[in-house]
Amino acid sequence: MNENCPTLRQSISFRRQAKLFIGICVFGTIISSLHGLKLDPINTSRPPPSSSASRPESADNGNLSRRRLLLSGVTTATATAAVFLPTDAANAARAKGAAELDLEFYVRDLIGGNKKEGNIEQSKNGPPVPPPRTLKGALIPMLLNKECTADCISVQALVEEIQQQDKAAGRVVTSEEAIVKDIQSRVDSIRERTRNSFFIKAPWKEEEVSDQYYFDFTIYALWKTAAQLIENSPNRDRFMRNIGRLLISKLEKEQIVTPSLLVQQKEQPPSSKDNGVLVGSIPAINELLNIFKMSNYCKNFRIRSSDNTGGVDDNEPVFDELDDESLGMVGTANCLVSIYEPATLGASLQINGENSRFAPDFVGTSLSAVWEKYGGIRTTWDVFFVDPEYRPNPKDYFPNEQLLQMTLNKK
């Protein structure tokens, strides 16, 4: 037995007694303060000017605020704690527990006035911003170009959506040339207004979409333009899905993906366990995700069934026979897709911070197009952002992962 154990037990016992004494002090002070508020009459008459400057604040004719009285109790308890609680170095250095952190935040909010936005500022020094990646390969110009012409599928899909809206509303269908000019004008205007803020957060080296941060900056301007021109949420959903369809078709046409990977799957009976839709889709979705990775659109990816913790990186199958059985019997299956440091992360976070969920996403919509085209599956997905590091300040939020929670439904 350690010879210091009796001393340690005495210290713990003393600390508990001190905490109990502090609690009684706080409770008694608050009760007496509230009792004083109830009994003391409130003087509504205005004091003479000559006496207002010399009169002590504590003798304000009974017109004390509840906040001041409550804070006096907190101050008394804090002073008492400073006297009675031991302040040895080991105790001061230990990690704070959840209750202590909660109490600290409550007291800070009480003193600061319970502001809606809180009383703690975001840390000035966040994690360092890495230099921009160079985006490469045939995929990037398919997704976006600097001038935002109809040569890229993002603008092409937006033009088609605007023309479809015109038809549905019985309006004269606007020409592609006129729509593209309008898009370019709006994008340039948004880029001009937001250039400094984006550059400060993530400076680009060159104003080309091959620069990760300039791609991010331009895609933000294009999606804000799309939000102005697309009339409602169903139309926005159709626009996003059309981007995936156009991309898969173009990748197949340019022979960047292998069209035959899932062609046989269409001919297989739905009840087949060995050649189910989901198991059969694994080569195609792996190939597609690797195209995004090899182009430097993202730093890495991970896809897995929601029922396991493995994924492509762990050499575990994304789907198995049970997933296909679930799709056949229940009509639904699920998977999770993690995209690490996608080139659209800054734009997505900015739009999310503006209280909009209409943000750029090329991975989810492309996977959806694969399952739709070859498996007759309709996919819905929710987007989340993950900060891998715990930070004590809740306003410090620096995610590097875009997490897609995907639900596959048999049509």
Protein backbone atom coordinates (compact mmCIF):
# COMPACT_ATOMS: atom_id res chain seq x y z
CA MET A 1 0.00 0.00 0.00
CA ASN A 2 1.32 3.47 -0.90
CA GLU A 3 2.19 5.47 2.21
CA ASN A 4 0.57 8.56 0.72
CA CYS A 5 -2.84 6.90 0.49
CA PRO A 6 -4.17 8.34 3.79
CA THR A 7 -3.19 11.82 2.67
CA LEU A 8 -4.86 11.24 -0.68
CA ARG A 9 -8.06 10.06 1.00
CA GLN A 10 -8.05 13.12 3.25
CA SER A 11 -7.57 15.37 0.22
CA ILE A 12 -10.46 13.76 -1.63
CA SER A 13 -12.68 13.96 1.44
CA PHE A 14 -11.76 17.61 1.94
CA ARG A 15 -12.46 18.41 -1.69
CA ARG A 16 -15.90 16.80 -1.50
CA GLN A 17 -16.74 18.77 1.65
CA ALA A 18 -15.56 21.98 0.02
CA LYS A 19 -17.70 21.33 -3.07
CA LEU A 20 -20.73 20.67 -0.86
CA PHE A 21 -20.06 23.90 1.03
CA ILE A 22 -19.79 25.84 -2.24
CA GLY A 23 -23.09 24.37 -3.48
CA ILE A 24 -24.82 25.44 -0.28
CA CYS A 25 -23.31 28.94 -0.60
CA VAL A 26 -24.48 29.32 -4.19
CA PHE A 27 -27.95 28.00 -3.42
CA GLY A 28 -28.30 30.18 -0.33
CA THR A 29 -27.07 33.29 -2.11
CA ILE A 30 -29.47 32.82 -5.03
CA ILE A 31 -32.43 32.14 -2.73
CA SER A 32 -31.66 35.19 -0.60
CA SER A 33 -31.21 37.29 -3.72
CA LEU A 34 -34.54 36.21 -5.16
CA HIS A 35 -36.16 36.70 -1.76
CA GLY A 36 -34.77 40.24 -1.69
CA LEU A 37 -36.19 40.88 -5.11
CA LYS A 38 -39.59 39.74 -3.96
CA LEU A 39 -39.69 41.81 -0.76
CA ASP A 40 -37.91 45.02 -1.76
CA PRO A 41 -40.17 47.58 -3.39
CA ILE A 42 -39.06 48.83 -6.80
CA ASN A 43 -38.52 52.55 -6.86
CA THR A 44 -39.72 53.84 -10.22
CA SER A 45 -39.09 57.51 -9.47
CA ARG A 46 -36.12 59.16 -11.21
CA PRO A 47 -33.38 60.22 -8.74
CA PRO A 48 -32.18 63.80 -8.78
CA PRO A 49 -29.22 64.39 -11.12
CA SER A 50 -26.98 65.53 -8.28
CA SER A 51 -27.27 62.23 -6.40
CA SER A 52 -27.01 59.75 -9.28
CA ALA A 53 -23.25 60.01 -9.67
CA SER A 54 -22.39 59.77 -5.97
CA ARG A 55 -24.82 57.02 -5.00
CA PRO A 56 -23.17 53.55 -4.80
CA GLU A 57 -24.39 51.05 -7.39
CA SER A 58 -25.17 48.51 -4.66
CA ALA A 59 -27.60 50.90 -2.99
CA ASP A 60 -29.79 51.48 -6.01
CA ASN A 61 -32.95 51.87 -3.88
CA GLY A 62 -33.72 48.18 -4.22
CA ASN A 63 -33.74 48.38 -8.00
CA LEU A 64 -31.17 45.62 -8.49
CA SER A 65 -31.43 43.34 -11.49
CA ARG A 66 -31.78 39.61 -11.07
CA ARG A 67 -28.67 39.14 -13.16
CA ARG A 68 -26.58 41.30 -10.80
CA LEU A 69 -27.81 39.42 -7.74
CA LEU A 70 -27.29 36.03 -9.35
CA LEU A 71 -23.83 37.01 -10.48
CA SER A 72 -22.98 38.10 -6.95
CA GLY A 73 -23.80 34.57 -5.83
CA VAL A 74 -21.63 33.07 -8.58
CA THR A 75 -18.79 35.45 -7.66
CA THR A 76 -19.07 34.51 -3.97
CA ALA A 77 -19.00 30.80 -4.81
CA THR A 78 -16.05 31.26 -7.14
CA ALA A 79 -14.10 33.13 -4.48
CA THR A 80 -14.92 30.45 -1.94
CA ALA A 81 -13.77 27.77 -4.36
CA ALA A 82 -10.47 29.57 -4.83
CA VAL A 83 -9.88 29.48 -1.07
CA PHE A 84 -11.02 25.99 -0.19
CA LEU A 85 -10.26 23.82 -3.23
CA PRO A 86 -6.69 22.49 -3.54
CA THR A 87 -4.78 23.93 -6.47
CA ASP A 88 -1.99 21.43 -6.88
CA ALA A 89 -0.40 21.20 -10.33
CA ALA A 90 -1.64 17.68 -11.00
CA ASN A 91 -5.24 18.67 -10.35
CA ALA A 92 -4.96 21.79 -12.52
CA ALA A 93 -3.46 19.90 -15.44
CA ARG A 94 -5.99 17.10 -15.57
CA ALA A 95 -8.60 17.00 -18.36
CA LYS A 96 -11.95 18.52 -17.58
CA GLY A 97 -14.94 16.26 -17.36
CA ALA A 98 -18.24 16.76 -19.18
CA ALA A 99 -19.97 18.22 -16.12
CA GLU A 100 -17.16 20.72 -15.57
CA LEU A 101 -17.23 21.80 -19.21
CA ASP A 102 -21.02 22.21 -19.06
CA LEU A 103 -20.80 24.30 -15.88
CA GLU A 104 -18.04 26.42 -17.40
CA PHE A 105 -20.15 27.17 -20.48
CA TYR A 106 -23.27 27.89 -18.40
CA VAL A 107 -21.42 30.35 -16.15
CA ARG A 108 -19.75 32.00 -19.14
CA ASP A 109 -23.10 32.38 -20.90
CA LEU A 110 -24.67 33.76 -17.71
CA ILE A 111 -21.94 36.37 -17.31
CA GLY A 112 -21.88 37.21 -21.03
CA GLY A 113 -25.61 37.71 -21.31
CA ASN A 114 -26.78 34.42 -22.87
CA LYS A 115 -26.19 35.60 -26.42
CA LYS A 116 -27.76 33.43 -29.11
CA GLU A 117 -24.45 33.10 -30.90
CA GLY A 118 -22.64 32.20 -27.66
CA ASN A 119 -19.79 33.95 -25.93
CA ILE A 120 -16.86 31.98 -27.32
CA GLU A 121 -15.23 33.07 -30.54
CA GLN A 122 -13.89 30.70 -33.14
CA SER A 123 -10.18 30.08 -32.80
CA LYS A 124 -8.08 32.47 -34.84
CA ASN A 125 -5.59 29.85 -35.92
CA GLY A 126 -7.16 26.86 -37.62
CA PRO A 127 -5.26 23.98 -39.20
CA PRO A 128 -2.92 25.09 -42.00
CA VAL A 129 -4.38 25.12 -45.51
CA PRO A 130 -2.41 22.76 -47.76
CA PRO A 131 -1.27 24.00 -51.17
CA PRO A 132 -3.80 23.40 -53.96
CA ARG A 133 -3.69 20.11 -55.81
CA THR A 134 -3.36 20.13 -59.57
CA LEU A 135 -6.49 18.61 -61.09
CA LYS A 136 -5.72 16.54 -64.15
CA GLY A 137 -7.05 14.10 -66.70
CA ALA A 138 -10.08 14.12 -68.95
CA LEU A 139 -12.59 14.23 -66.09
CA ILE A 140 -12.01 17.83 -64.97
CA PRO A 141 -12.87 19.65 -68.24
CA MET A 142 -15.96 17.46 -68.46
CA LEU A 143 -17.12 18.76 -65.10
CA LEU A 144 -16.25 22.45 -65.47
CA ASN A 145 -14.32 25.00 -67.50
CA LYS A 146 -13.18 28.47 -66.55
CA GLU A 147 -15.45 30.27 -69.03
CA CYS A 148 -18.52 28.19 -68.04
CA THR A 149 -19.45 27.27 -71.58
CA ALA A 150 -21.84 24.50 -72.58
CA ASP A 151 -18.85 22.25 -73.32
CA CYS A 152 -18.86 21.17 -69.67
CA ILE A 153 -21.68 19.04 -68.35
CA SER A 154 -22.46 21.36 -65.41
CA VAL A 155 -23.45 24.21 -67.73
CA GLN A 156 -25.01 21.83 -70.26
CA ALA A 157 -27.27 20.36 -67.57
CA LEU A 158 -28.21 23.85 -66.37
CA VAL A 159 -29.12 24.96 -69.90
CA GLU A 160 -31.31 21.89 -70.36
CA GLU A 161 -33.04 22.47 -67.02
CA ILE A 162 -33.83 26.11 -67.84
CA GLN A 163 -35.25 25.14 -71.23
CA GLN A 164 -37.33 22.40 -69.61
CA GLN A 165 -38.70 24.94 -67.12
CA ASP A 166 -39.68 27.21 -70.01
CA LYS A 167 -41.58 24.35 -71.69
CA ALA A 168 -43.37 23.37 -68.47
CA ALA A 169 -44.44 26.98 -67.86
CA GLY A 170 -45.64 27.48 -71.44
CA ARG A 171 -43.02 30.15 -72.11
CA VAL A 172 -40.99 30.63 -75.25
CA VAL A 173 -37.95 28.39 -74.90
CA THR A 174 -34.82 30.49 -74.48
CA SER A 175 -32.00 29.69 -76.86
CA GLU A 176 -28.88 27.93 -75.60
CA GLU A 177 -26.71 30.89 -76.60
CA ALA A 178 -28.80 33.36 -74.59
CA ILE A 179 -28.87 31.10 -71.54
CA VAL A 180 -25.09 30.54 -71.61
CA LYS A 181 -24.46 34.30 -71.84
CA ASP A 182 -26.73 34.88 -68.86
CA ILE A 183 -24.98 32.14 -66.87
CA GLN A 184 -21.55 33.55 -67.66
CA SER A 185 -22.60 37.07 -66.68
CA ARG A 186 -23.99 35.87 -63.33
CA VAL A 187 -20.95 33.69 -62.61
CA ASP A 188 -18.56 36.57 -63.32
CA SER A 189 -20.56 38.86 -61.04
CA ILE A 190 -20.53 36.35 -58.17
CA ARG A 191 -16.83 35.63 -58.63
CA GLU A 192 -16.07 39.34 -58.46
CA ARG A 193 -17.99 39.75 -55.20
CA THR A 194 -16.60 36.66 -53.46
CA ARG A 195 -13.06 36.52 -54.82
CA ASN A 196 -11.32 38.03 -51.79
CA SER A 197 -13.09 35.90 -49.19
CA PHE A 198 -12.37 32.64 -51.04
CA PHE A 199 -8.77 33.61 -51.75
CA ILE A 200 -8.11 34.46 -48.10
CA LYS A 201 -9.43 31.07 -46.96
CA ALA A 202 -7.73 28.98 -49.66
CA PRO A 203 -5.41 30.89 -52.02
CA TRP A 204 -5.01 29.48 -55.51
CA LYS A 205 -1.78 29.63 -57.49
CA GLU A 206 -3.34 30.21 -60.89
CA GLU A 207 -6.77 31.16 -62.15
CA GLU A 208 -7.48 27.89 -63.91
CA VAL A 209 -9.91 25.10 -63.04
CA SER A 210 -6.91 22.77 -62.91
CA ASP A 211 -6.07 24.54 -59.65
CA GLN A 212 -8.05 22.87 -56.85
CA TYR A 213 -9.01 26.09 -55.08
CA TYR A 214 -9.90 28.02 -58.22
CA PHE A 215 -12.07 25.07 -59.29
CA ASP A 216 -13.77 25.26 -55.89
CA PHE A 217 -14.24 29.02 -56.20
CA THR A 218 -15.72 28.77 -59.72
CA ILE A 219 -18.03 25.88 -58.87
CA TYR A 220 -19.41 27.96 -55.99
CA ALA A 221 -20.24 30.81 -58.37
CA LEU A 222 -21.86 28.40 -60.85
CA TRP A 223 -24.01 26.73 -58.18
CA LYS A 224 -25.14 30.07 -56.80
CA THR A 225 -26.12 30.97 -60.36
CA ALA A 226 -28.00 27.69 -60.70
CA ALA A 227 -29.85 28.45 -57.45
CA GLN A 228 -30.99 31.76 -58.98
CA LEU A 229 -32.17 30.21 -62.23
CA ILE A 230 -33.75 26.92 -61.11
CA GLU A 231 -37.20 27.59 -59.76
CA ASN A 232 -37.83 24.93 -57.11
CA SER A 233 -36.40 21.93 -55.24
CA PRO A 234 -37.77 19.18 -57.54
CA ASN A 235 -36.18 20.93 -60.50
CA ARG A 236 -32.89 21.22 -58.62
CA ASP A 237 -33.00 17.49 -57.90
CA ARG A 238 -33.63 16.78 -61.58
CA PHE A 239 -30.71 19.06 -62.52
CA MET A 240 -28.35 17.21 -60.18
CA ARG A 241 -29.40 13.79 -61.45
CA ASN A 242 -29.02 14.92 -65.04
CA ILE A 243 -25.41 15.91 -64.32
CA GLY A 244 -24.70 12.31 -63.30
CA ARG A 245 -26.40 10.90 -66.37
CA LEU A 246 -24.51 13.22 -68.71
CA LEU A 247 -21.20 12.42 -67.02
CA ILE A 248 -21.62 8.63 -67.20
CA SER A 249 -22.68 8.83 -70.84
CA LYS A 250 -19.68 10.99 -71.70
CA LEU A 251 -17.25 8.78 -69.81
CA GLU A 252 -18.57 5.77 -71.70
CA LYS A 253 -18.47 7.59 -75.03
CA GLU A 254 -14.84 8.59 -74.44
CA GLN A 255 -14.14 5.01 -73.28
CA ILE A 256 -12.84 6.25 -69.93
CA VAL A 257 -15.09 3.78 -68.13
CA THR A 258 -15.94 0.30 -69.34
CA PRO A 259 -19.57 0.20 -70.55
CA SER A 260 -19.64 -3.61 -70.53
CA LEU A 261 -19.11 -3.92 -66.77
CA LEU A 262 -22.82 -3.79 -66.01
CA VAL A 263 -24.40 -4.61 -69.37
CA GLN A 264 -24.75 -8.28 -68.45
CA GLN A 265 -26.38 -7.29 -65.18
CA LYS A 266 -29.50 -6.02 -66.97
CA GLU A 267 -30.10 -9.50 -68.33
CA GLN A 268 -29.83 -11.29 -64.99
CA PRO A 269 -33.02 -12.24 -63.10
CA PRO A 270 -33.57 -10.18 -59.94
CA SER A 271 -33.62 -13.35 -57.82
CA SER A 272 -30.09 -14.35 -58.79
CA LYS A 273 -27.90 -14.32 -55.68
CA ASP A 274 -24.56 -14.83 -57.37
CA ASN A 275 -25.10 -12.09 -59.93
CA GLY A 276 -27.29 -9.60 -58.08
CA VAL A 277 -27.58 -5.97 -59.07
CA LEU A 278 -25.54 -4.61 -56.19
CA VAL A 279 -22.78 -7.23 -56.22
CA GLY A 280 -22.57 -6.86 -59.98
CA SER A 281 -22.21 -3.07 -59.66
CA ILE A 282 -19.04 -3.23 -57.54
CA PRO A 283 -16.53 -3.18 -60.45
CA ALA A 284 -18.27 -0.23 -62.09
CA ILE A 285 -18.54 1.93 -58.97
CA ASN A 286 -14.94 1.15 -58.01
CA GLU A 287 -13.79 2.14 -61.47
CA LEU A 288 -15.80 5.37 -61.32
CA LEU A 289 -14.50 6.35 -57.89
CA ASN A 290 -10.94 5.63 -58.94
CA ILE A 291 -11.37 8.00 -61.89
CA PHE A 292 -12.27 10.77 -59.45
CA LYS A 293 -9.27 9.90 -57.30
CA MET A 294 -6.77 9.64 -60.16
CA SER A 295 -7.85 13.05 -61.49
CA ASN A 296 -7.07 14.54 -58.03
CA TYR A 297 -10.69 15.61 -57.69
CA CYS A 298 -10.46 14.00 -54.26
CA LYS A 299 -7.57 12.80 -52.17
CA ASN A 300 -9.14 9.44 -51.42
CA PHE A 301 -12.47 7.68 -51.02
CA ARG A 302 -14.07 4.91 -49.03
CA ILE A 303 -17.30 3.08 -49.80
CA ARG A 304 -18.90 0.43 -47.63
CA SER A 305 -22.22 -1.10 -46.77
CA SER A 306 -23.80 0.52 -43.74
CA ASP A 307 -23.85 -2.91 -42.07
CA ASN A 308 -20.08 -3.24 -41.84
CA THR A 309 -17.07 -1.09 -41.01
CA GLY A 310 -14.96 -2.19 -43.94
CA GLY A 311 -14.70 -0.76 -47.42
CA VAL A 312 -12.74 -0.75 -50.61
CA ASP A 313 -9.57 0.31 -48.84
CA ASP A 314 -9.92 -2.60 -46.43
CA ASN A 315 -10.36 -5.20 -49.20
CA GLU A 316 -13.87 -5.98 -48.01
CA PRO A 317 -16.81 -6.14 -50.44
CA VAL A 318 -19.07 -3.14 -50.61
CA PHE A 319 -22.13 -5.35 -51.13
CA ASP A 320 -22.78 -9.05 -50.68
CA GLU A 321 -25.63 -11.49 -51.26
CA LEU A 322 -27.51 -10.22 -48.21
CA ASP A 323 -27.60 -6.71 -49.64
CA ASP A 324 -29.06 -8.02 -52.89
CA GLU A 325 -31.59 -10.08 -50.95
CA SER A 326 -32.55 -6.98 -48.98
CA LEU A 327 -32.99 -5.04 -52.20
CA GLY A 328 -35.10 -7.82 -53.71
CA MET A 329 -37.26 -8.55 -50.66
CA VAL A 330 -37.52 -5.21 -48.85
CA GLY A 331 -36.83 -2.97 -51.82
CA THR A 332 -34.03 -0.97 -50.19
CA ALA A 333 -30.32 -1.19 -49.45
CA ASN A 334 -27.85 1.31 -48.02
CA CYS A 335 -24.24 2.29 -48.33
CA LEU A 336 -21.91 5.01 -47.10
CA VAL A 337 -19.44 6.85 -49.32
CA SER A 338 -16.66 8.98 -47.84
CA ILE A 339 -14.96 11.47 -50.15
CA TYR A 340 -11.81 12.92 -48.58
CA GLU A 341 -10.89 16.50 -49.45
CA PRO A 342 -13.04 16.82 -52.59
CA ALA A 343 -12.33 19.78 -54.85
CA THR A 344 -15.82 21.14 -54.10
CA LEU A 345 -15.49 21.04 -50.30
CA GLY A 346 -15.04 24.79 -49.73
CA ALA A 347 -17.98 25.67 -51.99
CA SER A 348 -20.22 23.07 -50.33
CA LEU A 349 -19.36 24.28 -46.82
CA GLN A 350 -19.93 27.91 -47.80
CA ILE A 351 -23.33 27.14 -49.31
CA ASN A 352 -24.22 25.01 -46.30
CA GLY A 353 -23.25 27.93 -44.06
CA GLU A 354 -25.68 30.07 -46.05
CA ASN A 355 -28.47 27.69 -44.96
CA SER A 356 -28.86 26.01 -48.33
CA ARG A 357 -28.54 22.32 -49.12
CA PHE A 358 -28.26 22.88 -52.86
CA ALA A 359 -24.51 22.35 -53.12
CA PRO A 360 -22.22 20.88 -55.78
CA ASP A 361 -21.73 17.12 -55.74
CA PHE A 362 -20.44 15.04 -58.63
CA VAL A 363 -19.76 11.73 -56.87
CA GLY A 364 -23.21 11.03 -55.46
CA THR A 365 -25.00 11.97 -58.65
CA SER A 366 -22.61 9.84 -60.77
CA LEU A 367 -23.08 6.76 -58.58
CA SER A 368 -26.80 7.31 -58.73
CA ALA A 369 -26.63 7.38 -62.54
CA VAL A 370 -24.71 4.08 -62.62
CA TRP A 371 -27.27 2.25 -60.47
CA GLU A 372 -30.16 3.83 -62.36
CA LYS A 373 -28.84 3.01 -65.84
CA TYR A 374 -27.85 -0.58 -65.29
CA GLY A 375 -29.81 -1.72 -62.26
CA GLY A 376 -33.09 0.17 -62.52
CA ILE A 377 -32.42 1.57 -59.04
CA ARG A 378 -33.37 5.02 -57.81
CA THR A 379 -30.92 6.43 -55.30
CA THR A 380 -31.40 9.17 -52.73
CA TRP A 381 -28.61 10.50 -50.56
CA ASP A 382 -27.91 12.88 -47.73
CA VAL A 383 -24.65 14.81 -47.46
CA PHE A 384 -22.72 15.31 -44.22
CA PHE A 385 -19.36 16.89 -43.43
CA VAL A 386 -16.98 15.24 -40.99
CA ASP A 387 -14.21 16.80 -38.94
CA PRO A 388 -11.97 13.88 -37.90
CA GLU A 389 -10.56 15.69 -34.87
CA TYR A 390 -12.33 16.48 -31.59
CA ARG A 391 -12.07 20.17 -30.73
CA PRO A 392 -13.14 21.58 -27.30
CA ASN A 393 -14.48 24.78 -28.86
CA PRO A 394 -17.76 23.90 -30.63
CA LYS A 395 -17.22 26.76 -33.09
CA ASP A 396 -13.98 25.21 -34.32
CA TYR A 397 -15.16 23.09 -37.24
CA PHE A 398 -12.69 22.06 -39.92
CA PRO A 399 -14.10 19.07 -41.87
CA ASN A 400 -12.12 17.34 -44.58
CA GLU A 401 -14.60 14.59 -45.46
CA GLN A 402 -17.84 14.69 -47.42
CA LEU A 403 -19.96 11.74 -46.30
CA LEU A 404 -22.77 10.51 -48.55
CA GLN A 405 -25.42 8.38 -46.86
CA MET A 406 -27.04 6.64 -49.83
CA THR A 407 -30.31 4.72 -49.96
CA LEU A 408 -30.95 2.50 -52.97
CA ASN A 409 -34.55 1.76 -53.86
CA LYS A 410 -35.75 -0.75 -56.42
CA LYS A 411 -38.10 1.01 -58.86
